[in-house]
PDB file of N, CA and C in Angstrom:
ATOM      1  N   MET A   1     125.422  66.207 105.683  1.00  0.00           N
ATOM      2  CA  MET A   1     125.070  67.803 106.908  1.00  0.00           C
ATOM      3  C   MET A   1     123.994  67.262 107.238  1.00  0.00           C
ATOM      4  N   ASP A   2     123.667  68.040 108.555  1.00  0.00           N
ATOM      5  CA  ASP A   2     122.340  67.628 109.395  1.00  0.00           C
ATOM      6  C   ASP A   2     121.471  68.283 109.241  1.00  0.00           C
ATOM      7  N   LYS A   3     120.471  67.658 108.865  1.00  0.00           N
ATOM      8  CA  LYS A   3     119.317  67.991 107.747  1.00  0.00           C
ATOM      9  C   LYS A   3     118.636  69.032 108.692  1.00  0.00           C
ATOM     10  N   HIS A   4     118.441  68.656 110.208  1.00  0.00           N
ATOM     11  CA  HIS A   4     118.085  69.678 111.409  1.00  0.00           C
ATOM     12  C   HIS A   4     117.972  71.229 111.264  1.00  0.00           C
ATOM     13  N   ILE A   5     119.373  71.390 110.816  1.00  0.00           N
ATOM     14  CA  ILE A   5     119.916  73.032 110.353  1.00  0.00           C
ATOM     15  C   ILE A   5     118.926  73.630 109.763  1.00  0.00           C
ATOM     16  N   TRP A   6     118.458  73.166 109.015  1.00  0.00           N
ATOM     17  CA  TRP A   6     116.976  74.061 108.450  1.00  0.00           C
ATOM     18  C   TRP A   6     115.901  73.868 108.937  1.00  0.00           C
ATOM     19  N   ALA A   7     115.770  73.092 110.289  1.00  0.00           N
ATOM     20  CA  ALA A   7     114.615  72.621 110.173  1.00  0.00           C
ATOM     21  C   ALA A   7     113.655  74.317 110.894  1.00  0.00           C
ATOM     22  N   ALA A   8     111.890  74.207 109.962  1.00  0.00           N
ATOM     23  CA  ALA A   8     111.450  75.123 110.841  1.00  0.00           C
ATOM     24  C   ALA A   8     109.603  74.629 110.246  1.00  0.00           C
ATOM     25  N   ILE A   9     108.780  74.708 111.502  1.00  0.00           N
ATOM     26  CA  ILE A   9     107.665  74.261 111.332  1.00  0.00           C
ATOM     27  C   ILE A   9     106.983  75.555 111.125  1.00  0.00           C
ATOM     28  N   VAL A  10     105.946  75.644 110.303  1.00  0.00           N
ATOM     29  CA  VAL A  10     104.881  76.595 110.311  1.00  0.00           C
ATOM     30  C   VAL A  10     103.747  76.233 110.118  1.00  0.00           C
ATOM     31  N   TRP A  11     103.158  77.400 110.674  1.00  0.00           N
ATOM     32  CA  TRP A  11     101.937  77.153 110.450  1.00  0.00           C
ATOM     33  C   TRP A  11     100.679  78.173 110.135  1.00  0.00           C
ATOM     34  N   LEU A  12      99.893  78.119 108.724  1.00  0.00           N
ATOM     35  CA  LEU A  12      99.447  79.319 108.251  1.00  0.00           C
ATOM     36  C   LEU A  12      98.217  79.692 108.437  1.00  0.00           C
ATOM     37  N   ASN A  13      97.935  80.541 108.741  1.00  0.00           N
ATOM     38  CA  ASN A  13      96.649  81.193 108.474  1.00  0.00           C
ATOM     39  C   ASN A  13      95.922  81.120 107.578  1.00  0.00           C
ATOM     40  N   LYS A  14      94.732  81.388 107.797  1.00  0.00           N
ATOM     41  CA  LYS A  14      93.261  81.179 106.038  1.00  0.00           C
ATOM     42  C   LYS A  14      94.003  82.492 105.494  1.00  0.00           C
ATOM     43  N   LYS A  15      93.626  82.772 104.211  1.00  0.00           N
ATOM     44  CA  LYS A  15      94.207  83.881 103.384  1.00  0.00           C
ATOM     45  C   LYS A  15      95.987  83.832 103.546  1.00  0.00           C
ATOM     46  N   SER A  16      96.636  83.373 103.973  1.00  0.00           N
ATOM     47  CA  SER A  16      97.627  83.415 104.092  1.00  0.00           C
ATOM     48  C   SER A  16      99.248  82.427 103.147  1.00  0.00           C
ATOM     49  N   GLU A  17      99.690  83.009 102.540  1.00  0.00           N
ATOM     50  CA  GLU A  17     100.991  82.692 101.753  1.00  0.00           C
ATOM     51  C   GLU A  17     102.258  82.808 102.271  1.00  0.00           C
ATOM     52  N   LEU A  18     102.774  82.243 101.443  1.00  0.00           N
ATOM     53  CA  LEU A  18     104.806  81.482 102.452  1.00  0.00           C
ATOM     54  C   LEU A  18     105.241  81.357 100.515  1.00  0.00           C
ATOM     55  N   LEU A  19     105.968  82.299 100.855  1.00  0.00           N
ATOM     56  CA  LEU A  19     106.905  81.651  99.167  1.00  0.00           C
ATOM     57  C   LEU A  19     108.390  81.210  99.760  1.00  0.00           C
ATOM     58  N   TYR A  20     109.198  80.345  99.082  1.00  0.00           N
ATOM     59  CA  TYR A  20     110.424  79.694  99.455  1.00  0.00           C
ATOM     60  C   TYR A  20     110.827  79.458  98.687  1.00  0.00           C
ATOM     61  N   PRO A  21     112.072  79.671  98.635  1.00  0.00           N
ATOM     62  CA  PRO A  21     112.920  78.304  97.628  1.00  0.00           C
ATOM     63  C   PRO A  21     112.998  77.236  97.300  1.00  0.00           C
ATOM     64  N   GLU A  22     112.559  76.620  96.531  1.00  0.00           N
ATOM     65  CA  GLU A  22     112.642  75.076  96.453  1.00  0.00           C
ATOM     66  C   GLU A  22     113.807  74.477  97.460  1.00  0.00           C
ATOM     67  N   LYS A  23     115.329  75.425  97.289  1.00  0.00           N
ATOM     68  CA  LYS A  23     116.267  74.702  98.592  1.00  0.00           C
ATOM     69  C   LYS A  23     116.726  75.684  98.980  1.00  0.00           C
ATOM     70  N   PHE A  24     117.290  76.015 100.184  1.00  0.00           N
ATOM     71  CA  PHE A  24     117.791  77.265 100.802  1.00  0.00           C
ATOM     72  C   PHE A  24     119.791  77.604 100.351  1.00  0.00           C
ATOM     73  N   ASP A  25     119.518  78.528  99.942  1.00  0.00           N
ATOM     74  CA  ASP A  25     121.380  78.800  99.589  1.00  0.00           C
ATOM     75  C   ASP A  25     122.522  78.478 101.372  1.00  0.00           C
ATOM     76  N   THR A  26     123.716  78.351 101.363  1.00  0.00           N
ATOM     77  CA  THR A  26     124.165  77.356 102.967  1.00  0.00           C
ATOM     78  C   THR A  26     124.088  78.853 103.167  1.00  0.00           C
ATOM     79  N   GLN A  27     124.167  80.203 102.889  1.00  0.00           N
ATOM     80  CA  GLN A  27     123.785  81.373 104.194  1.00  0.00           C
ATOM     81  C   GLN A  27     122.559  81.814 105.023  1.00  0.00           C
ATOM     82  N   ALA A  28     121.544  81.183 104.229  1.00  0.00           N
ATOM     83  CA  ALA A  28     120.366  82.022 105.360  1.00  0.00           C
ATOM     84  C   ALA A  28     119.190  81.117 104.801  1.00  0.00           C
ATOM     85  N   ARG A  29     118.373  81.235 105.826  1.00  0.00           N
ATOM     86  CA  ARG A  29     117.213  80.157 105.573  1.00  0.00           C
ATOM     87  C   ARG A  29     115.983  81.473 105.000  1.00  0.00           C
ATOM     88  N   GLU A  30     115.605  81.890 104.134  1.00  0.00           N
ATOM     89  CA  GLU A  30     114.821  83.153 104.155  1.00  0.00           C
ATOM     90  C   GLU A  30     113.823  83.003 103.098  1.00  0.00           C
ATOM     91  N   ILE A  31     112.518  83.968 103.332  1.00  0.00           N
ATOM     92  CA  ILE A  31     111.186  83.357 103.256  1.00  0.00           C
ATOM     93  C   ILE A  31     110.325  84.944 102.657  1.00  0.00           C
ATOM     94  N   TYR A  32     109.329  84.513 102.192  1.00  0.00           N
ATOM     95  CA  TYR A  32     108.502  85.743 102.307  1.00  0.00           C
ATOM     96  C   TYR A  32     107.279  85.727 102.420  1.00  0.00           C
ATOM     97  N   LEU A  33     106.306  86.445 103.712  1.00  0.00           N
ATOM     98  CA  LEU A  33     105.255  85.791 104.356  1.00  0.00           C
ATOM     99  C   LEU A  33     104.058  87.225 103.652  1.00  0.00           C
ATOM    100  N   LYS A  34     102.814  86.642 103.045  1.00  0.00           N
ATOM    101  CA  LYS A  34     101.542  87.616 103.397  1.00  0.00           C
ATOM    102  C   LYS A  34     100.771  86.915 104.299  1.00  0.00           C
ATOM    103  N   GLY A  35     100.320  87.576 104.843  1.00  0.00           N
ATOM    104  CA  GLY A  35      99.316  87.145 105.983  1.00  0.00           C
ATOM    105  C   GLY A  35      99.776  86.309 107.283  1.00  0.00           C
ATOM    106  N   GLU A  36      99.614  85.895 107.753  1.00  0.00           N
ATOM    107  CA  GLU A  36      99.947  85.275 108.906  1.00  0.00           C
ATOM    108  C   GLU A  36     100.097  83.737 109.435  1.00  0.00           C
ATOM    109  N   ALA A  37     101.344  83.765 110.478  1.00  0.00           N
ATOM    110  CA  ALA A  37     101.577  82.530 110.386  1.00  0.00           C
ATOM    111  C   ALA A  37     102.674  82.342 111.880  1.00  0.00           C
ATOM    112  N   PHE A  38     102.275  80.572 112.363  1.00  0.00           N
ATOM    113  CA  PHE A  38     103.373  80.820 113.340  1.00  0.00           C
ATOM    114  C   PHE A  38     104.067  79.658 113.144  1.00  0.00           C
ATOM    115  N   PHE A  39     105.495  80.230 113.896  1.00  0.00           N
ATOM    116  CA  PHE A  39     106.684  79.791 113.538  1.00  0.00           C
ATOM    117  C   PHE A  39     107.080  78.947 114.594  1.00  0.00           C
ATOM    118  N   ASP A  40     107.682  78.040 114.556  1.00  0.00           N
ATOM    119  CA  ASP A  40     108.289  76.989 115.394  1.00  0.00           C
ATOM    120  C   ASP A  40     110.240  76.586 114.619  1.00  0.00           C
ATOM    121  N   VAL A  41     110.969  77.380 114.806  1.00  0.00           N
ATOM    122  CA  VAL A  41     112.151  77.483 114.130  1.00  0.00           C
ATOM    123  C   VAL A  41     113.427  76.806 115.117  1.00  0.00           C
ATOM    124  N   ALA A  42     114.438  76.189 114.350  1.00  0.00           N
ATOM    125  CA  ALA A  42     115.258  75.129 114.921  1.00  0.00           C
ATOM    126  C   ALA A  42     116.580  76.308 115.123  1.00  0.00           C
ATOM    127  N   HIS A  43     117.205  76.219 116.313  1.00  0.00           N
ATOM    128  CA  HIS A  43     118.156  77.245 116.666  1.00  0.00           C
ATOM    129  C   HIS A  43     119.604  77.026 115.789  1.00  0.00           C
ATOM    130  N   ASN A  44     119.907  78.198 115.002  1.00  0.00           N
ATOM    131  CA  ASN A  44     121.322  77.650 114.028  1.00  0.00           C
ATOM    132  C   ASN A  44     121.969  78.971 114.000  1.00  0.00           C
ATOM    133  N   PRO A  45     122.759  79.672 114.434  1.00  0.00           N
ATOM    134  CA  PRO A  45     122.992  80.868 114.466  1.00  0.00           C
ATOM    135  C   PRO A  45     123.485  81.281 113.131  1.00  0.00           C
ATOM    136  N   GLU A  46     124.105  80.049 112.453  1.00  0.00           N
ATOM    137  CA  GLU A  46     125.138  80.337 111.317  1.00  0.00           C
ATOM    138  C   GLU A  46     124.389  80.330 110.246  1.00  0.00           C
ATOM    139  N   LYS A  47     123.199  79.887 109.986  1.00  0.00           N
ATOM    140  CA  LYS A  47     122.415  80.202 109.808  1.00  0.00           C
ATOM    141  C   LYS A  47     120.810  80.474 109.395  1.00  0.00           C
ATOM    142  N   PRO A  48     121.129  81.745 109.454  1.00  0.00           N
ATOM    143  CA  PRO A  48     119.943  82.550 110.143  1.00  0.00           C
ATOM    144  C   PRO A  48     118.513  82.348 109.099  1.00  0.00           C
ATOM    145  N   PHE A  49     117.206  82.483 110.021  1.00  0.00           N
ATOM    146  CA  PHE A  49     116.016  82.220 109.457  1.00  0.00           C
ATOM    147  C   PHE A  49     115.589  83.529 109.065  1.00  0.00           C
ATOM    148  N   ILE A  50     115.433  84.063 108.053  1.00  0.00           N
ATOM    149  CA  ILE A  50     114.376  85.243 107.729  1.00  0.00           C
ATOM    150  C   ILE A  50     113.601  85.485 106.908  1.00  0.00           C
ATOM    151  N   ILE A  51     112.490  86.140 107.509  1.00  0.00           N
ATOM    152  CA  ILE A  51     110.857  86.410 106.739  1.00  0.00           C
ATOM    153  C   ILE A  51     110.421  87.462 106.571  1.00  0.00           C
ATOM    154  N   HIS A  52     111.197  87.909 105.244  1.00  0.00           N
ATOM    155  CA  HIS A  52     110.283  89.270 104.898  1.00  0.00           C
ATOM    156  C   HIS A  52     108.428  89.658 104.707  1.00  0.00           C
ATOM    157  N   ALA A  53     108.245  90.641 105.369  1.00  0.00           N
ATOM    158  CA  ALA A  53     106.098  90.011 105.176  1.00  0.00           C
ATOM    159  C   ALA A  53     106.187  92.289 105.521  1.00  0.00           C
ATOM    160  N   GLY A  54     105.800  92.401 104.308  1.00  0.00           N
ATOM    161  CA  GLY A  54     105.759  93.710 104.163  1.00  0.00           C
ATOM    162  C   GLY A  54     106.647  94.407 104.075  1.00  0.00           C
ATOM    163  N   ILE A  55     106.743  95.236 105.073  1.00  0.00           N
ATOM    164  CA  ILE A  55     107.753  96.261 105.056  1.00  0.00           C
ATOM    165  C   ILE A  55     109.078  95.849 106.296  1.00  0.00           C
ATOM    166  N   SER A  56     108.760  94.504 106.657  1.00  0.00           N
ATOM    167  CA  SER A  56     109.468  94.478 107.871  1.00  0.00           C
ATOM    168  C   SER A  56     110.392  92.768 108.102  1.00  0.00           C
ATOM    169  N   LYS A  57     110.779  93.492 108.013  1.00  0.00           N
ATOM    170  CA  LYS A  57     112.360  91.678 108.271  1.00  0.00           C
ATOM    171  C   LYS A  57     112.479  91.044 109.298  1.00  0.00           C
ATOM    172  N   THR A  58     112.602  90.202 109.783  1.00  0.00           N
ATOM    173  CA  THR A  58     112.507  89.174 110.782  1.00  0.00           C
ATOM    174  C   THR A  58     113.087  88.415 111.070  1.00  0.00           C
ATOM    175  N   THR A  59     114.401  88.756 111.553  1.00  0.00           N
ATOM    176  CA  THR A  59     115.523  87.292 111.810  1.00  0.00           C
ATOM    177  C   THR A  59     115.439  86.379 113.026  1.00  0.00           C
ATOM    178  N   VAL A  60     115.618  85.369 112.888  1.00  0.00           N
ATOM    179  CA  VAL A  60     115.177  84.123 114.385  1.00  0.00           C
ATOM    180  C   VAL A  60     116.677  83.717 114.028  1.00  0.00           C
ATOM    181  N   ILE A  61     116.388  83.796 115.691  1.00  0.00           N
ATOM    182  CA  ILE A  61     117.817  82.917 116.260  1.00  0.00           C
ATOM    183  C   ILE A  61     117.245  81.416 116.829  1.00  0.00           C
ATOM    184  N   GLY A  62     115.984  81.027 116.717  1.00  0.00           N
ATOM    185  CA  GLY A  62     115.916  80.349 117.118  1.00  0.00           C
ATOM    186  C   GLY A  62     114.559  80.111 118.586  1.00  0.00           C
ATOM    187  N   THR A  63     113.493  80.032 117.670  1.00  0.00           N
ATOM    188  CA  THR A  63     111.914  80.616 118.520  1.00  0.00           C
ATOM    189  C   THR A  63     111.451  79.934 118.151  1.00  0.00           C
ATOM    190  N   SER A  64     110.052  80.254 118.995  1.00  0.00           N
ATOM    191  CA  SER A  64     109.057  79.781 118.443  1.00  0.00           C
ATOM    192  C   SER A  64     107.721  81.225 118.472  1.00  0.00           C
ATOM    193  N   PHE A  65     107.071  81.672 117.234  1.00  0.00           N
ATOM    194  CA  PHE A  65     106.463  83.033 117.641  1.00  0.00           C
ATOM    195  C   PHE A  65     105.357  83.627 116.181  1.00  0.00           C
ATOM    196  N   ASN A  66     104.467  84.143 116.895  1.00  0.00           N
ATOM    197  CA  ASN A  66     103.514  84.679 115.228  1.00  0.00           C
ATOM    198  C   ASN A  66     103.890  85.590 115.090  1.00  0.00           C
ATOM    199  N   LEU A  67     103.528  86.165 113.517  1.00  0.00           N
ATOM    200  CA  LEU A  67     103.919  87.147 112.892  1.00  0.00           C
ATOM    201  C   LEU A  67     102.489  87.556 111.796  1.00  0.00           C
ATOM    202  N   ARG A  68     101.896  88.771 112.088  1.00  0.00           N
ATOM    203  CA  ARG A  68     101.216  88.979 110.952  1.00  0.00           C
ATOM    204  C   ARG A  68     101.124  90.044 110.213  1.00  0.00           C
ATOM    205  N   ALA A  69     100.943  90.010 109.154  1.00  0.00           N
ATOM    206  CA  ALA A  69     100.827  91.036 108.176  1.00  0.00           C
ATOM    207  C   ALA A  69     100.539  90.791 106.653  1.00  0.00           C
ATOM    208  N   TYR A  70      99.460  91.263 107.333  1.00  0.00           N
ATOM    209  CA  TYR A  70      98.578  91.195 105.827  1.00  0.00           C
ATOM    210  C   TYR A  70      98.587  92.082 105.196  1.00  0.00           C
ATOM    211  N   GLY A  71      98.668  92.473 103.942  1.00  0.00           N
ATOM    212  CA  GLY A  71      98.862  93.480 102.789  1.00  0.00           C
ATOM    213  C   GLY A  71      97.603  94.225 102.998  1.00  0.00           C
ATOM    214  N   LYS A  72      96.553  94.184 103.430  1.00  0.00           N
ATOM    215  CA  LYS A  72      95.466  94.924 103.387  1.00  0.00           C
ATOM    216  C   LYS A  72      95.552  95.944 104.729  1.00  0.00           C
ATOM    217  N   GLU A  73      96.224  95.281 105.865  1.00  0.00           N
ATOM    218  CA  GLU A  73      96.251  96.308 107.286  1.00  0.00           C
ATOM    219  C   GLU A  73      97.586  96.794 107.987  1.00  0.00           C
ATOM    220  N   ASP A  74      97.823  98.081 107.878  1.00  0.00           N
ATOM    221  CA  ASP A  74      98.568  99.016 108.200  1.00  0.00           C
ATOM    222  C   ASP A  74      99.473  98.221 108.990  1.00  0.00           C
ATOM    223  N   ASP A  75      99.332  97.621 109.839  1.00  0.00           N
ATOM    224  CA  ASP A  75     100.422  97.305 111.227  1.00  0.00           C
ATOM    225  C   ASP A  75     101.082  95.397 110.761  1.00  0.00           C
ATOM    226  N   ILE A  76     102.253  95.939 111.404  1.00  0.00           N
ATOM    227  CA  ILE A  76     103.137  94.519 111.487  1.00  0.00           C
ATOM    228  C   ILE A  76     103.055  93.672 113.021  1.00  0.00           C
ATOM    229  N   ARG A  77     102.310  92.633 113.119  1.00  0.00           N
ATOM    230  CA  ARG A  77     102.360  92.336 114.303  1.00  0.00           C
ATOM    231  C   ARG A  77     103.328  91.340 114.733  1.00  0.00           C
ATOM    232  N   LEU A  78     104.202  90.833 115.733  1.00  0.00           N
ATOM    233  CA  LEU A  78     105.295  89.959 116.025  1.00  0.00           C
ATOM    234  C   LEU A  78     105.216  89.648 117.963  1.00  0.00           C
ATOM    235  N   THR A  79     104.588  88.729 117.927  1.00  0.00           N
ATOM    236  CA  THR A  79     104.440  88.120 119.641  1.00  0.00           C
ATOM    237  C   THR A  79     105.757  86.800 119.561  1.00  0.00           C
ATOM    238  N   VAL A  80     106.295  87.175 120.796  1.00  0.00           N
ATOM    239  CA  VAL A  80     107.534  86.077 120.490  1.00  0.00           C
ATOM    240  C   VAL A  80     106.588  84.979 121.703  1.00  0.00           C
ATOM    241  N   VAL A  81     106.693  83.870 121.440  1.00  0.00           N
ATOM    242  CA  VAL A  81     106.411  82.637 122.424  1.00  0.00           C
ATOM    243  C   VAL A  81     107.709  82.325 123.169  1.00  0.00           C
ATOM    244  N   SER A  82     108.898  81.931 122.981  1.00  0.00           N
ATOM    245  CA  SER A  82     109.998  81.691 123.162  1.00  0.00           C
ATOM    246  C   SER A  82     111.273  81.534 122.372  1.00  0.00           C
ATOM    247  N   GLY A  83     112.334  82.379 123.415  1.00  0.00           N
ATOM    248  CA  GLY A  83     113.297  82.681 122.216  1.00  0.00           C
ATOM    249  C   GLY A  83     113.466  84.039 122.404  1.00  0.00           C
ATOM    250  N   LYS A  84     113.778  84.652 120.975  1.00  0.00           N
ATOM    251  CA  LYS A  84     114.155  86.173 120.713  1.00  0.00           C
ATOM    252  C   LYS A  84     114.067  85.856 119.338  1.00  0.00           C
ATOM    253  N   VAL A  85     113.833  87.001 118.830  1.00  0.00           N
ATOM    254  CA  VAL A  85     113.847  87.545 117.700  1.00  0.00           C
ATOM    255  C   VAL A  85     114.385  88.749 117.130  1.00  0.00           C
ATOM    256  N   ALA A  86     115.138  89.003 116.234  1.00  0.00           N
ATOM    257  CA  ALA A  86     115.162  90.583 115.786  1.00  0.00           C
ATOM    258  C   ALA A  86     114.415  90.990 114.909  1.00  0.00           C
ATOM    259  N   PHE A  87     114.095  92.264 115.265  1.00  0.00           N
ATOM    260  CA  PHE A  87     112.999  92.688 113.885  1.00  0.00           C
ATOM    261  C   PHE A  87     113.143  94.181 113.413  1.00  0.00           C
ATOM    262  N   THR A  88     113.234  94.507 112.409  1.00  0.00           N
ATOM    263  CA  THR A  88     113.704  95.446 111.756  1.00  0.00           C
ATOM    264  C   THR A  88     112.744  95.878 110.832  1.00  0.00           C
ATOM    265  N   LEU A  89     112.816  96.986 110.279  1.00  0.00           N
ATOM    266  CA  LEU A  89     112.252  97.450 108.802  1.00  0.00           C
ATOM    267  C   LEU A  89     112.802  96.643 107.961  1.00  0.00           C
ATOM    268  N   ALA A  90     112.258  96.429 106.648  1.00  0.00           N
ATOM    269  CA  ALA A  90     113.183  96.113 105.725  1.00  0.00           C
ATOM    270  C   ALA A  90     114.364  96.502 105.229  1.00  0.00           C
ATOM    271  N   ASP A  91     114.467  98.222 105.863  1.00  0.00           N
ATOM    272  CA  ASP A  91     115.990  98.779 104.886  1.00  0.00           C
ATOM    273  C   ASP A  91     116.987  98.617 106.019  1.00  0.00           C
ATOM    274  N   ASP A  92     116.544  97.883 107.589  1.00  0.00           N
ATOM    275  CA  ASP A  92     117.040  97.560 108.386  1.00  0.00           C
ATOM    276  C   ASP A  92     117.809  98.582 109.018  1.00  0.00           C
ATOM    277  N   ARG A  93     116.878  99.915 109.308  1.00  0.00           N
ATOM    278  CA  ARG A  93     116.998 101.315 109.929  1.00  0.00           C
ATOM    279  C   ARG A  93     117.156 100.600 111.680  1.00  0.00           C
ATOM    280  N   GLU A  94     115.999 100.344 112.060  1.00  0.00           N
ATOM    281  CA  GLU A  94     116.153 100.565 113.133  1.00  0.00           C
ATOM    282  C   GLU A  94     115.866  98.682 113.496  1.00  0.00           C
ATOM    283  N   ARG A  95     116.263  97.936 114.883  1.00  0.00           N
ATOM    284  CA  ARG A  95     117.135  96.822 114.842  1.00  0.00           C
ATOM    285  C   ARG A  95     116.193  96.722 116.452  1.00  0.00           C
ATOM    286  N   VAL A  96     115.224  95.821 116.497  1.00  0.00           N
ATOM    287  CA  VAL A  96     114.464  95.735 117.867  1.00  0.00           C
ATOM    288  C   VAL A  96     114.796  94.155 118.145  1.00  0.00           C
ATOM    289  N   ILE A  97     114.519  94.207 119.360  1.00  0.00           N
ATOM    290  CA  ILE A  97     115.110  92.359 119.953  1.00  0.00           C
ATOM    291  C   ILE A  97     113.786  92.136 120.706  1.00  0.00           C
ATOM    292  N   VAL A  98     113.196  91.046 119.899  1.00  0.00           N
ATOM    293  CA  VAL A  98     111.844  91.041 120.740  1.00  0.00           C
ATOM    294  C   VAL A  98     111.961  89.614 121.475  1.00  0.00           C
ATOM    295  N   THR A  99     111.130  89.987 123.137  1.00  0.00           N
ATOM    296  CA  THR A  99     111.828  88.031 123.666  1.00  0.00           C
ATOM    297  C   THR A  99     110.138  87.843 124.056  1.00  0.00           C
ATOM    298  N   PRO A 100     110.318  86.679 124.639  1.00  0.00           N
ATOM    299  CA  PRO A 100     108.853  86.174 125.334  1.00  0.00           C
ATOM    300  C   PRO A 100     108.013  86.976 126.210  1.00  0.00           C
ATOM    301  N   GLY A 101     106.807  87.215 125.256  1.00  0.00           N
ATOM    302  CA  GLY A 101     105.687  88.008 126.250  1.00  0.00           C
ATOM    303  C   GLY A 101     105.619  89.545 125.900  1.00  0.00           C
ATOM    304  N   ASN A 102     106.751  90.138 124.819  1.00  0.00           N
ATOM    305  CA  ASN A 102     106.438  90.603 124.404  1.00  0.00           C
ATOM    306  C   ASN A 102     106.170  90.910 122.719  1.00  0.00           C
ATOM    307  N   MET A 103     105.708  92.007 122.230  1.00  0.00           N
ATOM    308  CA  MET A 103     105.370  92.698 120.858  1.00  0.00           C
ATOM    309  C   MET A 103     105.781  93.457 120.359  1.00  0.00           C
TER     310      MET A 103
END
């Protein structure tokens, strides 16, 4: 198995926390963010990279972006630098595709 299919580089901001399994399952790469992080995620449509942050769920297709979701703040901010990201509330009701230069 190519180890690059799981590849992601994450830079955490101060007072931020990232929770992830010791080993990802074969269906998806799911993590949990409290705070703010910049992500650079390898493209792999067969193994989506999913970030749960507050009441949001961000599904990454292969991109670089910043996600801010501090528990004490009311809003969640997603800024895409490259590629595209699918952003929804945790209940999957409304889905928005975010592209570079958009928040």
